[in-house]
């Protein structure tokens, strides 16, 4: 068995595969076109986001038995078609769920306690206390949409704060406990002060958060998005921030990201994004919620173990 390693990852990935008797070729520096041209020679491929694996690529690779994505999302792989062709597709949400949960919580605490604004002021010699008063999580209701690895881990991180946690998942039931209430969207619309997205990106979740969604909430809300940028309509968000319906936003992902999640065109920032970067009511990070040093190791280890199992048929 030969595996093409298309993106840089922790060394534990290829070390684990090699220890399982699987040959690995590290071609981290090759271009997208070069990788696609040699992929038909391999039994499996491991990638992050360097290129999309489409129906056409799959058809050109008759030996392909397994596709591994070192990450949680699978939107850059035609999973349905690959599965139809008997190709096993694996990912590693177990590896970065703690990182995402902690990052979402950190962004939220930074926003609620005005840490970004207060820190910038103190660095300029400005000592303002009253205007930087925060609000406490304990008295809030948090609505979590999507209760997979990411949503459930974020919920677990919140349990020590004493806040009310509501969770909805269209495809999952029976997960409620004494700390988290499994519920429907209507109750989240009625009660939530904060809403956090933990859903995959697909046609159903494209612009899930839009004007209609935001206006469905009874109270003004804070929004957290550590899922995918295009799950949220930025222009609609900004419009509702200006009206006061959205009190603040924590965004680790943006709809303006490139396919590789590595660049923004600084020459042509959209107006809604300009508003976000100038606002004290936003916390913005460059799609790093799930990308800690710890998760780099864990995701690589998890994906290697899953791929070895798939390729050996065990």
Protein backbone atom coordinates (compact mmCIF):
# COMPACT_ATOMS: atom_id res chain seq x y z
CA UNK A 1 0.00 0.00 0.00
CA UNK A 2 1.26 3.47 -0.95
CA UNK A 3 -0.03 6.69 0.57
CA UNK A 4 0.48 10.15 -0.92
CA UNK A 5 0.94 12.80 1.77
CA UNK A 6 -0.14 16.02 0.09
CA UNK A 7 0.08 18.48 3.00
CA UNK A 8 2.47 19.05 5.87
CA UNK A 9 1.36 17.41 9.10
CA UNK A 10 2.89 16.19 12.34
CA UNK A 11 5.53 13.50 11.83
CA UNK A 12 3.46 11.08 13.90
CA UNK A 13 1.21 10.65 10.86
CA UNK A 14 3.72 9.08 8.51
CA UNK A 15 5.56 7.41 11.37
CA UNK A 16 2.37 5.59 12.40
CA UNK A 17 1.58 4.57 8.82
CA UNK A 18 5.11 3.30 8.21
CA UNK A 19 5.01 1.35 11.46
CA UNK A 20 1.85 -0.31 10.13
CA UNK A 21 3.73 -1.48 7.03
CA UNK A 22 2.37 1.22 4.71
CA UNK A 23 4.67 3.10 2.34
CA UNK A 24 4.44 6.89 2.49
CA UNK A 25 5.60 9.54 0.05
CA UNK A 26 5.80 13.06 1.47
CA UNK A 27 5.21 15.53 -1.32
CA UNK A 28 4.39 18.56 0.79
CA UNK A 29 6.12 20.98 -1.58
CA UNK A 30 4.47 19.82 -4.80
CA UNK A 31 1.81 21.94 -6.44
CA UNK A 32 -1.84 21.03 -6.67
CA UNK A 33 -1.41 20.12 -10.36
CA UNK A 34 1.62 17.93 -9.69
CA UNK A 35 -0.16 16.08 -6.89
CA UNK A 36 -3.26 15.42 -8.97
CA UNK A 37 -1.11 14.10 -11.84
CA UNK A 38 0.62 11.46 -9.67
CA UNK A 39 -2.35 10.53 -7.47
CA UNK A 40 -3.45 7.63 -9.78
CA UNK A 41 -0.28 5.80 -8.67
CA UNK A 42 -1.43 5.64 -5.05
CA UNK A 43 -3.79 3.58 -2.91
CA UNK A 44 -4.57 6.46 -0.55
CA UNK A 45 -4.08 10.17 -0.05
CA UNK A 46 -3.85 12.37 3.04
CA UNK A 47 -4.58 16.08 2.71
CA UNK A 48 -5.83 19.09 4.59
CA UNK A 49 -7.02 21.73 2.14
CA UNK A 50 -4.49 21.89 -0.70
CA UNK A 51 -7.02 20.81 -3.33
CA UNK A 52 -10.50 19.40 -3.72
CA UNK A 53 -11.01 15.73 -4.48
CA UNK A 54 -13.76 15.79 -7.08
CA UNK A 55 -15.64 13.13 -9.03
CA UNK A 56 -13.24 13.67 -11.93
CA UNK A 57 -10.18 13.08 -9.77
CA UNK A 58 -11.73 10.00 -8.21
CA UNK A 59 -12.53 8.57 -11.63
CA UNK A 60 -8.92 9.10 -12.66
CA UNK A 61 -7.63 7.12 -9.66
CA UNK A 62 -8.82 3.49 -9.98
CA UNK A 63 -6.45 2.30 -7.24
CA UNK A 64 -7.72 4.74 -4.62
CA UNK A 65 -8.99 2.95 -1.51
CA UNK A 66 -8.88 5.61 1.19
CA UNK A 67 -8.95 9.41 1.50
CA UNK A 68 -7.91 10.98 4.78
CA UNK A 69 -8.52 14.60 5.78
CA UNK A 70 -6.48 15.90 8.70
CA UNK A 71 -9.27 18.02 10.12
CA UNK A 72 -12.97 17.87 10.88
CA UNK A 73 -14.69 19.24 7.77
CA UNK A 74 -15.02 17.12 4.63
CA UNK A 75 -16.43 19.70 2.21
CA UNK A 76 -13.36 19.56 -0.05
CA UNK A 77 -13.98 15.86 -0.76
CA UNK A 78 -16.86 14.41 -2.77
CA UNK A 79 -17.58 11.93 -0.01
CA UNK A 80 -20.83 10.64 -1.50
CA UNK A 81 -19.20 9.72 -4.80
CA UNK A 82 -16.09 8.31 -3.15
CA UNK A 83 -18.23 6.10 -0.92
CA UNK A 84 -20.21 4.99 -3.94
CA UNK A 85 -16.92 3.91 -5.52
CA UNK A 86 -15.95 1.93 -2.43
CA UNK A 87 -13.40 4.45 -1.20
CA UNK A 88 -13.21 4.90 2.56
CA UNK A 89 -13.19 8.58 3.64
CA UNK A 90 -11.92 9.39 7.12
CA UNK A 91 -11.40 12.57 9.11
CA UNK A 92 -10.27 13.47 12.61
CA UNK A 93 -12.74 15.59 14.59
CA UNK A 94 -11.69 13.76 17.76
CA UNK A 95 -8.27 15.32 17.36
CA UNK A 96 -9.23 18.98 17.51
CA UNK A 97 -12.51 19.05 19.42
CA UNK A 98 -10.85 20.24 22.65
CA UNK A 99 -8.98 22.95 20.78
CA UNK A 100 -12.21 24.24 19.19
CA UNK A 101 -14.11 24.12 22.47
CA UNK A 102 -11.43 26.04 24.34
CA UNK A 103 -11.01 28.59 21.54
CA UNK A 104 -14.74 29.29 21.33
CA UNK A 105 -14.87 29.76 25.09
CA UNK A 106 -11.81 31.99 25.08
CA UNK A 107 -13.23 34.22 22.35
CA UNK A 108 -16.55 34.46 24.18
CA UNK A 109 -14.95 35.44 27.50
CA UNK A 110 -12.78 37.99 25.72
CA UNK A 111 -15.86 39.56 24.13
CA UNK A 112 -18.12 39.54 27.21
CA UNK A 113 -15.42 41.05 29.41
CA UNK A 114 -14.21 43.69 26.92
CA UNK A 115 -10.70 42.28 27.14
CA UNK A 116 -9.75 43.23 23.58
CA UNK A 117 -10.79 46.87 24.06
CA UNK A 118 -9.44 47.18 27.61
CA UNK A 119 -6.08 45.67 26.68
CA UNK A 120 -5.67 48.07 23.74
CA UNK A 121 -6.54 51.03 25.98
CA UNK A 122 -4.15 50.08 28.78
CA UNK A 123 -1.32 49.71 26.23
CA UNK A 124 -1.99 53.33 25.25
CA UNK A 125 -1.97 54.52 28.87
CA UNK A 126 -5.76 54.80 29.01
CA UNK A 127 -7.20 53.54 32.31
CA UNK A 128 -10.98 53.10 31.91
CA UNK A 129 -12.87 50.86 34.31
CA UNK A 130 -16.60 51.62 34.30
CA UNK A 131 -16.96 51.54 30.51
CA UNK A 132 -15.20 48.19 30.37
CA UNK A 133 -17.48 46.37 32.79
CA UNK A 134 -18.22 42.88 31.56
CA UNK A 135 -21.21 40.57 31.82
CA UNK A 136 -21.17 37.12 33.42
CA UNK A 137 -21.88 33.84 31.65
CA UNK A 138 -23.62 32.43 34.71
CA UNK A 139 -26.75 34.46 34.05
CA UNK A 140 -26.98 33.62 30.35
CA UNK A 141 -28.54 30.96 28.16
CA UNK A 142 -26.34 29.52 25.43
CA UNK A 143 -27.79 27.82 22.37
CA UNK A 144 -25.52 25.31 20.63
CA UNK A 145 -26.46 24.33 17.08
CA UNK A 146 -24.88 21.03 16.10
CA UNK A 147 -23.98 18.52 18.81
CA UNK A 148 -21.21 16.45 17.26
CA UNK A 149 -17.64 16.38 18.52
CA UNK A 150 -17.27 20.17 18.46
CA UNK A 151 -20.65 21.20 19.84
CA UNK A 152 -20.62 18.62 22.62
CA UNK A 153 -17.08 19.54 23.68
CA UNK A 154 -17.93 23.25 23.78
CA UNK A 155 -20.96 22.40 25.92
CA UNK A 156 -18.78 20.38 28.27
CA UNK A 157 -16.36 23.30 28.65
CA UNK A 158 -19.28 25.56 29.59
CA UNK A 159 -20.73 23.37 32.33
CA UNK A 160 -18.55 24.85 35.07
CA UNK A 161 -19.90 28.36 34.50
CA UNK A 162 -23.41 27.60 35.74
CA UNK A 163 -25.14 28.95 32.65
CA UNK A 164 -28.12 27.31 30.97
CA UNK A 165 -27.03 25.26 27.95
CA UNK A 166 -29.50 24.38 25.20
CA UNK A 167 -28.45 22.18 22.29
CA UNK A 168 -30.07 21.25 18.99
CA UNK A 169 -28.92 18.73 16.41
CA UNK A 170 -31.08 17.82 13.43
CA UNK A 171 -29.47 14.40 13.10
CA UNK A 172 -28.86 13.40 16.71
CA UNK A 173 -31.10 12.71 19.70
CA UNK A 174 -30.81 11.31 23.21
CA UNK A 175 -27.77 13.36 24.22
CA UNK A 176 -29.25 15.54 26.96
CA UNK A 177 -28.04 15.30 30.55
CA UNK A 178 -28.29 17.25 33.79
CA UNK A 179 -26.03 19.98 32.39
CA UNK A 180 -27.19 20.21 28.77
CA UNK A 181 -30.80 20.30 27.63
CA UNK A 182 -31.54 18.68 24.27
CA UNK A 183 -34.12 20.88 22.63
CA UNK A 184 -35.55 22.30 19.41
CA UNK A 185 -34.70 25.53 17.63
CA UNK A 186 -37.83 27.28 18.83
CA UNK A 187 -36.69 27.14 22.45
CA UNK A 188 -33.26 28.42 21.44
CA UNK A 189 -34.91 31.30 19.58
CA UNK A 190 -37.00 32.06 22.67
CA UNK A 191 -34.33 31.85 25.37
CA UNK A 192 -30.80 32.18 24.02
CA UNK A 193 -28.50 35.09 24.80
CA UNK A 194 -25.64 33.47 22.90
CA UNK A 195 -25.71 31.14 19.89
CA UNK A 196 -22.75 29.03 18.77
CA UNK A 197 -22.48 27.21 15.42
CA UNK A 198 -20.99 23.72 15.24
CA UNK A 199 -22.37 22.43 11.96
CA UNK A 200 -20.67 21.13 8.81
CA UNK A 201 -20.79 23.26 5.68
CA UNK A 202 -23.16 22.05 2.97
CA UNK A 203 -26.04 23.34 0.86
CA UNK A 204 -28.36 23.21 3.86
CA UNK A 205 -26.09 25.22 6.17
CA UNK A 206 -24.98 27.77 3.56
CA UNK A 207 -25.87 31.16 5.08
CA UNK A 208 -27.71 29.42 7.90
CA UNK A 209 -27.17 32.59 9.90
CA UNK A 210 -28.90 35.35 7.96
CA UNK A 211 -31.33 38.17 8.68
CA UNK A 212 -34.30 35.84 9.11
CA UNK A 213 -32.36 33.57 11.46
CA UNK A 214 -31.13 36.45 13.61
CA UNK A 215 -34.56 38.09 13.77
CA UNK A 216 -36.04 34.80 14.99
CA UNK A 217 -34.38 35.35 18.38
CA UNK A 218 -36.50 37.00 21.01
CA UNK A 219 -33.55 38.75 22.68
CA UNK A 220 -30.47 40.52 21.34
CA UNK A 221 -27.75 37.89 20.98
CA UNK A 222 -24.03 37.21 20.74
CA UNK A 223 -22.93 34.92 17.89
CA UNK A 224 -20.00 32.50 17.81
CA UNK A 225 -18.87 30.82 14.59
CA UNK A 226 -16.02 28.31 14.69
CA UNK A 227 -17.63 26.12 12.01
CA UNK A 228 -17.28 27.41 8.44
CA UNK A 229 -17.35 30.96 7.14
CA UNK A 230 -20.12 30.50 4.62
CA UNK A 231 -22.48 29.22 7.31
CA UNK A 232 -22.93 32.90 8.16
CA UNK A 233 -23.95 35.80 5.92
CA UNK A 234 -21.55 38.55 6.96
CA UNK A 235 -23.53 41.40 5.44
CA UNK A 236 -26.66 40.33 7.33
CA UNK A 237 -24.67 39.97 10.54
CA UNK A 238 -23.23 43.48 10.23
CA UNK A 239 -26.65 44.94 9.47
CA UNK A 240 -28.02 43.41 12.66
CA UNK A 241 -24.99 44.48 14.68
CA UNK A 242 -25.66 48.05 13.58
CA UNK A 243 -29.31 47.75 14.64
CA UNK A 244 -28.37 46.30 18.04
CA UNK A 245 -29.99 42.92 17.49
CA UNK A 246 -26.54 41.32 17.55
CA UNK A 247 -24.52 42.53 20.54
CA UNK A 248 -21.24 41.04 19.40
CA UNK A 249 -19.64 38.27 17.35
CA UNK A 250 -16.77 35.82 17.79
CA UNK A 251 -15.65 34.67 14.35
CA UNK A 252 -12.83 32.23 13.79
CA UNK A 253 -13.99 31.69 10.21
CA UNK A 254 -15.04 34.10 7.48
CA UNK A 255 -16.96 33.63 4.29
CA UNK A 256 -14.18 35.51 2.48
CA UNK A 257 -11.57 32.81 3.10
CA UNK A 258 -9.93 31.15 0.13
CA UNK A 259 -10.25 27.41 -0.45
CA UNK A 260 -6.98 26.85 1.38
CA UNK A 261 -8.10 29.04 4.31
CA UNK A 262 -4.78 30.87 4.19
CA UNK A 263 -5.31 34.26 2.58
CA UNK A 264 -7.56 37.27 2.35
CA UNK A 265 -7.27 39.78 -0.47
CA UNK A 266 -6.30 42.90 1.45
CA UNK A 267 -6.71 45.08 -1.63
CA UNK A 268 -10.44 44.49 -1.82
CA UNK A 269 -11.85 43.98 1.66
CA UNK A 270 -15.67 43.85 1.44
CA UNK A 271 -17.48 46.60 3.35
CA UNK A 272 -18.98 44.19 5.93
CA UNK A 273 -15.52 42.89 6.74
CA UNK A 274 -14.20 46.42 7.13
CA UNK A 275 -16.91 46.98 9.72
CA UNK A 276 -15.93 43.81 11.59
CA UNK A 277 -12.24 44.66 11.79
CA UNK A 278 -12.98 48.15 13.09
CA UNK A 279 -15.55 47.09 15.67
CA UNK A 280 -14.91 46.63 19.39
CA UNK A 281 -17.80 44.18 19.40
CA UNK A 282 -16.02 41.52 17.39
CA UNK A 283 -13.30 38.99 18.13
CA UNK A 284 -11.66 37.70 14.94
CA UNK A 285 -9.13 34.90 14.47
CA UNK A 286 -7.74 33.30 11.26
CA UNK A 287 -9.38 29.85 11.32
CA UNK A 288 -7.16 28.60 14.14
CA UNK A 289 -9.72 27.34 16.64
CA UNK A 290 -8.86 23.72 15.92
CA UNK A 291 -5.19 24.29 15.12
CA UNK A 292 -3.21 24.05 18.37
CA UNK A 293 0.13 22.31 18.78
CA UNK A 294 -1.73 19.60 20.67
CA UNK A 295 -4.40 19.11 18.03
CA UNK A 296 -1.77 18.99 15.29
CA UNK A 297 -0.39 15.85 16.92
CA UNK A 298 -3.75 14.34 17.84
CA UNK A 299 -5.35 14.82 14.42
CA UNK A 300 -2.32 13.33 12.68
CA UNK A 301 -2.32 10.35 15.03
CA UNK A 302 -6.06 9.75 14.70
CA UNK A 303 -6.06 9.96 10.89
CA UNK A 304 -3.06 7.63 10.59
CA UNK A 305 -4.72 5.01 12.79
CA UNK A 306 -7.99 5.24 10.87
CA UNK A 307 -6.24 4.99 7.51
CA UNK A 308 -4.10 2.04 8.56
CA UNK A 309 -7.23 0.25 9.69
CA UNK A 310 -9.06 1.05 6.44
CA UNK A 311 -6.17 0.01 4.19
CA UNK A 312 -5.56 -3.23 6.06
CA UNK A 313 -9.27 -4.06 6.08
CA UNK A 314 -9.45 -4.51 9.84
